[in-house]
Amino acid sequence: MNGQPPDDSKELLNFIAATMEAVRERMVTKDDIRVLREQMTTKDDIEALRERTATKDDIEALRERMATKEDLETLREQMATKDDLFQVESRLGADIARLEVKLEAEAARLEDKIEVKTTIIRGDIEQVRVHLGVIDNTLSTRLDQMGADISRLRSALYLLAKDQPDVLRLLGREPLS
C-alpha cells in the first residue's frame, strides 16, 4: 500500500482495513494505559522516594557530625582503662593499709596516754580523799573539843545562874526550879 486510495471499491475496502489495522497497531488502548500506569512513577512515588533517600546535603551534615579517627584517638587517650583503675585501686588499698597501721599506732599511743592520765587522776582523787579524811578527823576532834567546852561553859553558867536565875532567861531558858 502506497498511502493512496485505490479506484475500485474492493481495493478501497482493503485499503481502509489495512489503514485501520495500521492505526490500531499504533493506537494506545486502555489496557496499554493501565500497564503504563502500573509501570510509571507518580509524583507521590517520587516524594516517597525523596523521603527515603538522602541528599548530598544530608550526607555532608552527617560527615560533619561524625567523629574522626583523631577524635577517637583523643578520646582513647583521655579515657581510663581497666589497668588504670586497677593501679589506682591498688594504690588506694596500699594507702588505706598504711593509714590503718598509723591509726592503730596512734590509738595505742592515745590509749597509753589515757591510761597514764587516768592513773594520775586516780592518784589525785586518792590524795583528795586522804586530805578530806584528815580534815574530817580534825573537824571531828575540834567539834568534840567544842562540845566539851560548851558543856563545861554550860555547867559553869548553871552554877552561876543558880544564884541569879534571871541570867537563864536571857539565854532563852526557864530558871531551874
N, C-alpha and C. Protein backbone atom coordinates (compact mmCIF):
# COMPACT_ATOMS: atom_id res chain seq x y z
N MET A 1 0.83 -1.17 0.00
CA MET A 1 0.00 0.00 0.00
C MET A 1 0.87 1.22 0.00
N ASN A 2 0.54 2.07 -0.81
CA ASN A 2 1.37 3.24 -1.01
C ASN A 2 0.82 4.47 -0.35
N GLY A 3 -0.28 4.40 0.37
CA GLY A 3 -0.86 5.53 1.08
C GLY A 3 -1.88 6.26 0.24
N GLN A 4 -2.14 5.88 -1.08
CA GLN A 4 -3.12 6.49 -1.96
C GLN A 4 -4.36 5.59 -2.00
N PRO A 5 -5.56 6.14 -1.94
CA PRO A 5 -6.75 5.30 -2.01
C PRO A 5 -6.88 4.67 -3.41
N PRO A 6 -7.25 3.38 -3.49
CA PRO A 6 -7.41 2.70 -4.79
C PRO A 6 -8.72 3.13 -5.48
N ASP A 7 -8.84 2.75 -6.72
CA ASP A 7 -10.00 3.15 -7.51
C ASP A 7 -11.17 2.19 -7.31
N ASP A 8 -10.92 1.02 -7.13
CA ASP A 8 -12.07 0.13 -7.08
C ASP A 8 -12.49 -0.07 -5.63
N SER A 9 -13.75 -0.44 -5.40
CA SER A 9 -14.30 -0.47 -4.06
C SER A 9 -13.73 -1.62 -3.24
N LYS A 10 -13.42 -2.75 -3.88
CA LYS A 10 -12.83 -3.84 -3.13
C LYS A 10 -11.46 -3.43 -2.63
N GLU A 11 -10.76 -2.87 -3.49
CA GLU A 11 -9.45 -2.41 -3.09
C GLU A 11 -9.56 -1.30 -2.07
N LEU A 12 -10.59 -0.50 -2.20
CA LEU A 12 -10.81 0.58 -1.25
C LEU A 12 -11.07 0.01 0.14
N LEU A 13 -11.90 -1.02 0.18
CA LEU A 13 -12.18 -1.66 1.46
C LEU A 13 -10.91 -2.28 2.04
N ASN A 14 -10.15 -2.92 1.23
CA ASN A 14 -8.88 -3.49 1.69
C ASN A 14 -7.95 -2.39 2.19
N PHE A 15 -7.93 -1.30 1.46
CA PHE A 15 -7.09 -0.17 1.87
C PHE A 15 -7.52 0.37 3.24
N ILE A 16 -8.85 0.54 3.39
CA ILE A 16 -9.39 1.06 4.65
C ILE A 16 -9.07 0.09 5.78
N ALA A 17 -9.24 -1.21 5.49
CA ALA A 17 -8.96 -2.22 6.52
C ALA A 17 -7.49 -2.20 6.89
N ALA A 18 -6.64 -2.12 5.92
CA ALA A 18 -5.19 -2.10 6.18
C ALA A 18 -4.83 -0.83 6.95
N THR A 19 -5.43 0.28 6.59
CA THR A 19 -5.15 1.55 7.28
C THR A 19 -5.63 1.46 8.72
N MET A 20 -6.82 0.90 8.89
CA MET A 20 -7.36 0.73 10.23
C MET A 20 -6.45 -0.18 11.06
N GLU A 21 -5.98 -1.24 10.40
CA GLU A 21 -5.09 -2.17 11.10
C GLU A 21 -3.81 -1.44 11.49
N ALA A 22 -3.28 -0.62 10.64
CA ALA A 22 -2.06 0.14 10.93
C ALA A 22 -2.31 1.14 12.04
N VAL A 23 -3.48 1.78 12.00
CA VAL A 23 -3.83 2.76 13.03
C VAL A 23 -4.02 2.02 14.36
N ARG A 24 -4.69 0.86 14.29
CA ARG A 24 -4.93 0.08 15.50
C ARG A 24 -3.61 -0.33 16.15
N GLU A 25 -2.65 -0.72 15.33
CA GLU A 25 -1.36 -1.13 15.87
C GLU A 25 -0.63 0.06 16.50
N ARG A 26 -0.81 1.21 15.95
CA ARG A 26 -0.16 2.41 16.50
C ARG A 26 -0.97 3.04 17.62
N MET A 27 -2.20 2.71 17.76
CA MET A 27 -3.10 3.30 18.74
C MET A 27 -2.85 2.71 20.12
N VAL A 28 -3.05 3.53 21.17
CA VAL A 28 -2.87 3.10 22.56
C VAL A 28 -4.24 2.71 23.09
N THR A 29 -4.31 1.54 23.70
CA THR A 29 -5.58 1.07 24.25
C THR A 29 -5.62 1.39 25.74
N LYS A 30 -6.79 1.19 26.35
CA LYS A 30 -6.93 1.39 27.80
C LYS A 30 -6.05 0.40 28.55
N ASP A 31 -5.95 -0.79 28.04
CA ASP A 31 -5.07 -1.78 28.67
C ASP A 31 -3.62 -1.30 28.62
N ASP A 32 -3.25 -0.73 27.47
CA ASP A 32 -1.89 -0.19 27.35
C ASP A 32 -1.66 0.91 28.38
N ILE A 33 -2.67 1.77 28.57
CA ILE A 33 -2.56 2.88 29.54
C ILE A 33 -2.48 2.32 30.96
N ARG A 34 -3.29 1.28 31.26
CA ARG A 34 -3.27 0.66 32.59
C ARG A 34 -1.88 0.08 32.87
N VAL A 35 -1.33 -0.65 31.90
CA VAL A 35 0.01 -1.24 32.06
C VAL A 35 1.03 -0.13 32.22
N LEU A 36 0.88 0.92 31.44
CA LEU A 36 1.81 2.05 31.52
C LEU A 36 1.72 2.73 32.88
N ARG A 37 0.49 2.85 33.39
CA ARG A 37 0.31 3.45 34.73
C ARG A 37 1.00 2.60 35.80
N GLU A 38 0.86 1.29 35.67
CA GLU A 38 1.49 0.39 36.64
C GLU A 38 3.01 0.51 36.59
N GLN A 39 3.55 0.75 35.43
CA GLN A 39 4.99 0.86 35.27
C GLN A 39 5.51 2.26 35.58
N MET A 40 4.63 3.22 35.52
CA MET A 40 5.02 4.61 35.63
C MET A 40 5.16 5.03 37.10
N THR A 41 6.05 5.97 37.39
CA THR A 41 6.24 6.52 38.72
C THR A 41 5.45 7.81 38.82
N THR A 42 4.69 7.95 39.94
CA THR A 42 3.87 9.14 40.12
C THR A 42 4.64 10.17 40.93
N LYS A 43 4.09 11.35 41.06
CA LYS A 43 4.71 12.39 41.91
C LYS A 43 4.76 11.94 43.36
N ASP A 44 3.73 11.21 43.82
CA ASP A 44 3.72 10.68 45.18
C ASP A 44 4.85 9.69 45.38
N ASP A 45 5.07 8.83 44.33
CA ASP A 45 6.17 7.87 44.41
C ASP A 45 7.51 8.58 44.50
N ILE A 46 7.65 9.63 43.72
CA ILE A 46 8.91 10.40 43.74
C ILE A 46 9.09 11.06 45.10
N GLU A 47 8.01 11.61 45.68
CA GLU A 47 8.10 12.25 47.01
C GLU A 47 8.45 11.21 48.08
N ALA A 48 7.83 10.04 47.99
CA ALA A 48 8.14 8.97 48.95
C ALA A 48 9.60 8.54 48.81
N LEU A 49 10.06 8.45 47.57
CA LEU A 49 11.46 8.09 47.31
C LEU A 49 12.38 9.17 47.87
N ARG A 50 12.01 10.42 47.69
CA ARG A 50 12.79 11.54 48.20
C ARG A 50 12.89 11.48 49.73
N GLU A 51 11.77 11.09 50.37
CA GLU A 51 11.75 10.98 51.84
C GLU A 51 12.66 9.85 52.31
N ARG A 52 12.75 8.78 51.54
CA ARG A 52 13.53 7.61 51.95
C ARG A 52 15.01 7.73 51.59
N THR A 53 15.35 8.60 50.72
CA THR A 53 16.76 8.69 50.28
C THR A 53 17.41 9.94 50.86
N ALA A 54 18.71 9.89 50.94
CA ALA A 54 19.47 11.02 51.47
C ALA A 54 19.95 11.90 50.33
N THR A 55 20.05 13.19 50.67
CA THR A 55 20.56 14.12 49.68
C THR A 55 22.04 14.35 49.94
N LYS A 56 22.70 15.03 49.04
CA LYS A 56 24.12 15.37 49.25
C LYS A 56 24.27 16.23 50.51
N ASP A 57 23.30 17.11 50.76
CA ASP A 57 23.34 17.94 51.98
C ASP A 57 23.23 17.08 53.23
N ASP A 58 22.35 16.06 53.18
CA ASP A 58 22.21 15.16 54.31
C ASP A 58 23.52 14.43 54.59
N ILE A 59 24.16 13.98 53.52
CA ILE A 59 25.43 13.25 53.68
C ILE A 59 26.51 14.18 54.24
N GLU A 60 26.55 15.42 53.76
CA GLU A 60 27.55 16.38 54.26
C GLU A 60 27.30 16.70 55.73
N ALA A 61 26.03 16.87 56.11
CA ALA A 61 25.71 17.14 57.52
C ALA A 61 26.11 15.96 58.39
N LEU A 62 25.91 14.75 57.88
CA LEU A 62 26.30 13.55 58.62
C LEU A 62 27.82 13.48 58.77
N ARG A 63 28.53 13.83 57.71
CA ARG A 63 30.00 13.84 57.76
C ARG A 63 30.50 14.81 58.82
N GLU A 64 29.84 15.97 58.90
CA GLU A 64 30.26 16.98 59.88
C GLU A 64 30.02 16.49 61.31
N ARG A 65 28.99 15.67 61.53
CA ARG A 65 28.68 15.18 62.87
C ARG A 65 29.48 13.94 63.23
N MET A 66 30.05 13.27 62.25
CA MET A 66 30.78 12.03 62.50
C MET A 66 32.12 12.31 63.17
N ALA A 67 32.51 11.39 64.04
CA ALA A 67 33.81 11.50 64.70
C ALA A 67 34.89 11.00 63.74
N THR A 68 36.04 11.61 63.85
CA THR A 68 37.16 11.18 63.01
C THR A 68 38.03 10.23 63.81
N LYS A 69 38.98 9.61 63.15
CA LYS A 69 39.91 8.72 63.84
C LYS A 69 40.70 9.50 64.89
N GLU A 70 41.03 10.75 64.57
CA GLU A 70 41.76 11.57 65.54
C GLU A 70 40.91 11.83 66.78
N ASP A 71 39.61 12.07 66.56
CA ASP A 71 38.71 12.27 67.71
C ASP A 71 38.68 11.02 68.58
N LEU A 72 38.60 9.86 67.95
CA LEU A 72 38.58 8.60 68.70
C LEU A 72 39.89 8.39 69.45
N GLU A 73 41.02 8.71 68.81
CA GLU A 73 42.32 8.56 69.48
C GLU A 73 42.42 9.49 70.68
N THR A 74 41.95 10.73 70.51
CA THR A 74 41.97 11.69 71.61
C THR A 74 41.12 11.18 72.76
N LEU A 75 39.95 10.67 72.43
CA LEU A 75 39.06 10.12 73.45
C LEU A 75 39.70 8.92 74.13
N ARG A 76 40.34 8.05 73.34
CA ARG A 76 41.01 6.88 73.91
C ARG A 76 42.11 7.30 74.88
N GLU A 77 42.85 8.36 74.53
CA GLU A 77 43.92 8.84 75.41
C GLU A 77 43.36 9.41 76.70
N GLN A 78 42.17 10.01 76.64
CA GLN A 78 41.57 10.63 77.82
C GLN A 78 40.89 9.60 78.72
N MET A 79 40.45 8.50 78.16
CA MET A 79 39.69 7.51 78.93
C MET A 79 40.62 6.66 79.79
N ALA A 80 40.09 6.25 80.94
CA ALA A 80 40.83 5.35 81.81
C ALA A 80 40.57 3.91 81.39
N THR A 81 41.59 3.09 81.50
CA THR A 81 41.44 1.68 81.16
C THR A 81 41.23 0.88 82.44
N LYS A 82 40.93 -0.39 82.28
CA LYS A 82 40.78 -1.25 83.44
C LYS A 82 42.11 -1.34 84.19
N ASP A 83 43.20 -1.34 83.44
CA ASP A 83 44.53 -1.37 84.08
C ASP A 83 44.75 -0.12 84.92
N ASP A 84 44.33 1.05 84.38
CA ASP A 84 44.46 2.31 85.14
C ASP A 84 43.67 2.22 86.43
N LEU A 85 42.44 1.72 86.32
CA LEU A 85 41.59 1.59 87.51
C LEU A 85 42.19 0.60 88.50
N PHE A 86 42.77 -0.49 88.00
CA PHE A 86 43.39 -1.48 88.88
C PHE A 86 44.57 -0.86 89.62
N GLN A 87 45.38 -0.06 88.90
CA GLN A 87 46.52 0.59 89.55
C GLN A 87 46.06 1.57 90.63
N VAL A 88 45.04 2.35 90.33
CA VAL A 88 44.51 3.30 91.31
C VAL A 88 43.96 2.54 92.52
N GLU A 89 43.23 1.47 92.24
CA GLU A 89 42.67 0.65 93.31
C GLU A 89 43.78 0.05 94.17
N SER A 90 44.86 -0.41 93.53
CA SER A 90 45.98 -0.98 94.28
C SER A 90 46.64 0.08 95.15
N ARG A 91 46.84 1.27 94.58
CA ARG A 91 47.46 2.36 95.37
C ARG A 91 46.56 2.74 96.54
N LEU A 92 45.25 2.81 96.28
CA LEU A 92 44.32 3.14 97.36
C LEU A 92 44.36 2.08 98.45
N GLY A 93 44.42 0.82 98.04
CA GLY A 93 44.50 -0.26 99.01
C GLY A 93 45.75 -0.14 99.87
N ALA A 94 46.88 0.16 99.23
CA ALA A 94 48.13 0.32 99.98
C ALA A 94 48.05 1.53 100.91
N ASP A 95 47.48 2.63 100.41
CA ASP A 95 47.33 3.84 101.24
C ASP A 95 46.43 3.56 102.44
N ILE A 96 45.35 2.85 102.20
CA ILE A 96 44.42 2.53 103.29
C ILE A 96 45.12 1.64 104.32
N ALA A 97 45.90 0.66 103.85
CA ALA A 97 46.62 -0.22 104.77
C ALA A 97 47.60 0.60 105.62
N ARG A 98 48.34 1.54 104.99
CA ARG A 98 49.28 2.38 105.75
C ARG A 98 48.53 3.24 106.76
N LEU A 99 47.40 3.80 106.36
CA LEU A 99 46.61 4.62 107.28
C LEU A 99 46.09 3.79 108.45
N GLU A 100 45.67 2.56 108.16
CA GLU A 100 45.18 1.70 109.25
C GLU A 100 46.28 1.43 110.25
N VAL A 101 47.51 1.17 109.76
CA VAL A 101 48.64 0.92 110.66
C VAL A 101 48.91 2.16 111.50
N LYS A 102 48.92 3.33 110.85
CA LYS A 102 49.16 4.59 111.58
C LYS A 102 48.06 4.83 112.61
N LEU A 103 46.80 4.57 112.22
CA LEU A 103 45.69 4.78 113.15
C LEU A 103 45.78 3.83 114.34
N GLU A 104 46.15 2.58 114.08
CA GLU A 104 46.29 1.63 115.17
C GLU A 104 47.40 2.07 116.13
N ALA A 105 48.53 2.54 115.57
CA ALA A 105 49.64 3.00 116.40
C ALA A 105 49.21 4.22 117.21
N GLU A 106 48.50 5.14 116.56
CA GLU A 106 48.04 6.36 117.24
C GLU A 106 47.03 6.00 118.32
N ALA A 107 46.16 5.04 118.03
CA ALA A 107 45.15 4.62 119.01
C ALA A 107 45.84 3.99 120.23
N ALA A 108 46.88 3.17 119.98
CA ALA A 108 47.61 2.56 121.10
C ALA A 108 48.30 3.63 121.93
N ARG A 109 48.91 4.61 121.22
CA ARG A 109 49.59 5.71 121.93
C ARG A 109 48.59 6.50 122.76
N LEU A 110 47.44 6.79 122.18
CA LEU A 110 46.41 7.53 122.92
C LEU A 110 45.88 6.71 124.09
N GLU A 111 45.74 5.40 123.88
CA GLU A 111 45.26 4.54 124.96
C GLU A 111 46.25 4.56 126.13
N ASP A 112 47.55 4.48 125.80
CA ASP A 112 48.58 4.55 126.85
C ASP A 112 48.53 5.90 127.56
N LYS A 113 48.39 6.95 126.79
CA LYS A 113 48.33 8.30 127.35
C LYS A 113 47.11 8.44 128.26
N ILE A 114 45.98 7.92 127.81
CA ILE A 114 44.75 7.99 128.62
C ILE A 114 44.93 7.19 129.91
N GLU A 115 45.58 6.04 129.80
CA GLU A 115 45.81 5.21 130.99
C GLU A 115 46.68 5.95 132.01
N VAL A 116 47.73 6.62 131.50
CA VAL A 116 48.61 7.38 132.40
C VAL A 116 47.83 8.51 133.06
N LYS A 117 47.06 9.24 132.25
CA LYS A 117 46.27 10.35 132.79
C LYS A 117 45.26 9.84 133.81
N THR A 118 44.64 8.70 133.50
CA THR A 118 43.66 8.12 134.43
C THR A 118 44.33 7.74 135.75
N THR A 119 45.51 7.17 135.65
CA THR A 119 46.26 6.81 136.87
C THR A 119 46.60 8.06 137.67
N ILE A 120 47.00 9.12 137.00
CA ILE A 120 47.32 10.39 137.69
C ILE A 120 46.06 10.92 138.37
N ILE A 121 44.95 10.88 137.65
CA ILE A 121 43.69 11.39 138.22
C ILE A 121 43.29 10.55 139.43
N ARG A 122 43.44 9.23 139.33
CA ARG A 122 43.12 8.36 140.48
C ARG A 122 44.00 8.72 141.68
N GLY A 123 45.29 8.97 141.41
CA GLY A 123 46.19 9.38 142.49
C GLY A 123 45.74 10.68 143.12
N ASP A 124 45.35 11.64 142.26
CA ASP A 124 44.87 12.94 142.76
C ASP A 124 43.61 12.75 143.61
N ILE A 125 42.72 11.88 143.13
CA ILE A 125 41.48 11.62 143.87
C ILE A 125 41.81 10.99 145.22
N GLU A 126 42.75 10.07 145.23
CA GLU A 126 43.14 9.41 146.48
C GLU A 126 43.73 10.42 147.46
N GLN A 127 44.55 11.36 146.92
CA GLN A 127 45.12 12.41 147.78
C GLN A 127 44.01 13.28 148.36
N VAL A 128 43.03 13.62 147.52
CA VAL A 128 41.92 14.44 147.99
C VAL A 128 41.16 13.68 149.08
N ARG A 129 40.93 12.37 148.85
CA ARG A 129 40.23 11.56 149.84
C ARG A 129 40.99 11.52 151.17
N VAL A 130 42.31 11.37 151.08
CA VAL A 130 43.14 11.37 152.30
C VAL A 130 43.04 12.72 153.01
N HIS A 131 43.15 13.82 152.21
CA HIS A 131 43.04 15.17 152.80
C HIS A 131 41.68 15.38 153.43
N LEU A 132 40.63 14.90 152.74
CA LEU A 132 39.28 15.03 153.30
C LEU A 132 39.17 14.23 154.60
N GLY A 133 39.81 13.06 154.63
CA GLY A 133 39.82 12.26 155.86
C GLY A 133 40.51 13.00 156.99
N VAL A 134 41.64 13.64 156.67
CA VAL A 134 42.38 14.42 157.69
C VAL A 134 41.50 15.57 158.16
N ILE A 135 40.88 16.27 157.18
CA ILE A 135 40.01 17.41 157.54
C ILE A 135 38.85 16.91 158.40
N ASP A 136 38.25 15.77 158.03
CA ASP A 136 37.14 15.20 158.79
C ASP A 136 37.58 14.87 160.22
N ASN A 137 38.74 14.24 160.35
CA ASN A 137 39.25 13.91 161.70
C ASN A 137 39.52 15.17 162.50
N THR A 138 40.12 16.18 161.83
CA THR A 138 40.43 17.43 162.52
C THR A 138 39.14 18.10 162.98
N LEU A 139 38.16 18.16 162.08
CA LEU A 139 36.88 18.80 162.43
C LEU A 139 36.18 18.01 163.53
N SER A 140 36.22 16.69 163.44
CA SER A 140 35.59 15.87 164.49
C SER A 140 36.23 16.15 165.84
N THR A 141 37.55 16.20 165.82
CA THR A 141 38.28 16.47 167.07
C THR A 141 37.91 17.84 167.61
N ARG A 142 37.90 18.83 166.73
CA ARG A 142 37.58 20.19 167.18
C ARG A 142 36.14 20.28 167.66
N LEU A 143 35.22 19.61 166.91
CA LEU A 143 33.82 19.64 167.33
C LEU A 143 33.66 18.96 168.70
N ASP A 144 34.35 17.83 168.87
CA ASP A 144 34.29 17.15 170.17
C ASP A 144 34.83 18.08 171.26
N GLN A 145 35.92 18.76 170.94
CA GLN A 145 36.53 19.68 171.91
C GLN A 145 35.57 20.83 172.21
N MET A 146 34.93 21.36 171.13
CA MET A 146 33.98 22.47 171.32
C MET A 146 32.78 21.99 172.14
N GLY A 147 32.33 20.76 171.85
CA GLY A 147 31.22 20.21 172.61
C GLY A 147 31.57 20.10 174.09
N ALA A 148 32.78 19.66 174.36
CA ALA A 148 33.23 19.54 175.75
C ALA A 148 33.32 20.92 176.39
N ASP A 149 33.85 21.88 175.61
CA ASP A 149 33.97 23.26 176.13
C ASP A 149 32.60 23.85 176.40
N ILE A 150 31.66 23.63 175.48
CA ILE A 150 30.31 24.16 175.66
C ILE A 150 29.67 23.50 176.88
N SER A 151 29.90 22.22 177.04
CA SER A 151 29.34 21.52 178.20
C SER A 151 29.91 22.10 179.49
N ARG A 152 31.21 22.36 179.51
CA ARG A 152 31.82 22.96 180.71
C ARG A 152 31.26 24.37 180.94
N LEU A 153 31.11 25.14 179.85
CA LEU A 153 30.57 26.51 179.98
C LEU A 153 29.14 26.46 180.50
N ARG A 154 28.37 25.50 180.04
CA ARG A 154 27.00 25.35 180.48
C ARG A 154 26.96 25.03 182.00
N SER A 155 27.83 24.12 182.35
CA SER A 155 27.88 23.77 183.79
C SER A 155 28.25 24.98 184.62
N ALA A 156 29.23 25.73 184.11
CA ALA A 156 29.65 26.93 184.86
C ALA A 156 28.51 27.93 184.87
N LEU A 157 27.79 28.07 183.75
CA LEU A 157 26.69 29.02 183.67
C LEU A 157 25.57 28.61 184.62
N TYR A 158 25.28 27.32 184.70
CA TYR A 158 24.23 26.88 185.61
C TYR A 158 24.63 27.13 187.06
N LEU A 159 25.91 26.94 187.31
CA LEU A 159 26.36 27.21 188.68
C LEU A 159 26.22 28.69 189.00
N LEU A 160 26.58 29.53 188.05
CA LEU A 160 26.47 30.98 188.25
C LEU A 160 25.00 31.40 188.29
N ALA A 161 24.19 30.75 187.47
CA ALA A 161 22.78 31.14 187.36
C ALA A 161 21.99 30.63 188.55
N LYS A 162 22.54 29.75 189.28
CA LYS A 162 21.84 29.26 190.44
C LYS A 162 21.55 30.40 191.40
N ASP A 163 22.50 31.25 191.54
CA ASP A 163 22.32 32.41 192.40
C ASP A 163 21.57 33.51 191.66
N GLN A 164 21.59 33.56 190.37
CA GLN A 164 20.89 34.62 189.59
C GLN A 164 20.06 33.93 188.48
N PRO A 165 18.85 33.49 188.76
CA PRO A 165 18.03 32.77 187.79
C PRO A 165 17.64 33.61 186.58
N ASP A 166 17.69 34.91 186.65
CA ASP A 166 17.30 35.75 185.51
C ASP A 166 18.29 35.61 184.35
N VAL A 167 19.51 35.20 184.61
CA VAL A 167 20.51 35.04 183.55
C VAL A 167 20.06 33.93 182.58
N LEU A 168 19.40 32.90 183.11
CA LEU A 168 18.94 31.82 182.25
C LEU A 168 17.85 32.30 181.30
N ARG A 169 17.04 33.29 181.75
CA ARG A 169 16.01 33.84 180.85
C ARG A 169 16.65 34.55 179.67
N LEU A 170 17.77 35.16 179.88
CA LEU A 170 18.48 35.83 178.78
C LEU A 170 18.91 34.79 177.72
N LEU A 171 19.20 33.59 178.15
CA LEU A 171 19.62 32.54 177.23
C LEU A 171 18.40 31.83 176.63
N GLY A 172 17.21 32.19 177.01
CA GLY A 172 16.01 31.58 176.45
C GLY A 172 15.61 30.36 177.23
N ARG A 173 16.07 30.20 178.45
CA ARG A 173 15.75 29.04 179.29
C ARG A 173 15.00 29.52 180.53
N GLU A 174 14.22 28.62 180.97
CA GLU A 174 13.50 28.93 182.22
C GLU A 174 14.45 28.61 183.39
N PRO A 175 14.34 29.38 184.40
CA PRO A 175 15.18 29.11 185.57
C PRO A 175 14.89 27.73 186.14
N LEU A 176 15.90 27.14 186.67
CA LEU A 176 15.75 25.83 187.30
C LEU A 176 14.97 25.95 188.58
N SER A 177 14.09 25.11 188.73
CA SER A 177 13.29 25.22 189.95
C SER A 177 13.82 24.35 191.04
